[in-house]
């Protein structure tokens, strides 16, 4: 498509469509690309960081449905929506956050995925010393739901939600990302932490493989955006289902008590719009008060907002007081979950 602006990474007439119309466009028809987008300099920076550390690997990057490093491959998939500001805006509306939407966040994720790519290229996880430090790769894994100790010093902290605690693979990738980041001062920041053992291991391991070229093999690029036939609407329906918190489907009555059940006179009157505008404030407040992971709180807030949208709930009372009531309700659900493993007390 023609008519894209510099920095857009593609895009044509669809960039001016309403959200509802844009959701009917197939992902492959977006024709977004990395070249010319805001992603291009970030990828260049990643490759320079790898070079500065003496690593020969330059994992190719491509647009995909989500952040990933395909199993066994030394390549990095980047969500297609990061290639165009219009798609980033839609992502925020649908999911309440844009993973990798800032320069700093994007670089953290690129370094993380590069850690997986290095692991795959050199088969590091098959080494006995890797397993002694990080654990068994056969550990069960769910990237959306895992137990964490928010004060643990056994793990580094790179991307949100204590992701290093989710699985040994992620622990390695997070440790690699901290090691790779320029001026991270990891020797000072993690001094006295048990996680220092992992950082020193990665440092020794990377010096061992420095300048050693990995086997030459064209990587399999799983889930390329240019091949995805589904519409954006179908994409978000699947994405929402994957992250859906089933217990929250029972919260309709409480949400109706906080808001109201009738058609909004203007888009700004919709309960979902109020939640969307104040998402950051709600998540930060509830996470700080409850001690839960911001990512989990975000998913709870997003799920409740989708329920509010499905039932066409509106803001009847003063928006500020309604926001306080909603935030308190979210906090109650979170605390219930932390204490009883269920959002709503069992009868």
Foldseek 3Di string as FASTA:
>chain_A
DDDDDQQFQAADPLLPDDLVVQLQDALLVRNGWQVRHPCVVLLVVVQVLCVVLQAPDRAAEAEFCDWAAPVLALHTYHHRLRNHPSSQVSCCLLQVHRQLNDSQRVNLSVQLRNLVNVCSLVVVLVDPVLCVLQNHQPPDADQQDDDDDLPALLADDGHFDSSLVGGSSSRRSNLRSCLSDPPSPCCVVSPPGNNVVSNVVVSVVSVVCRPPDGDDDDGDDPGGSSPGGRGSNVSSVVVLVSLPDVLCVVCLVVVCVLFNQDADPDPCFQPLNLCSVCVVVLLVVLCVVQVHTSSNLSSVSSNVSVSSVVRNTGHDDDSVVSVVVVSVLSSQQVNCCVVPVGSDDDD
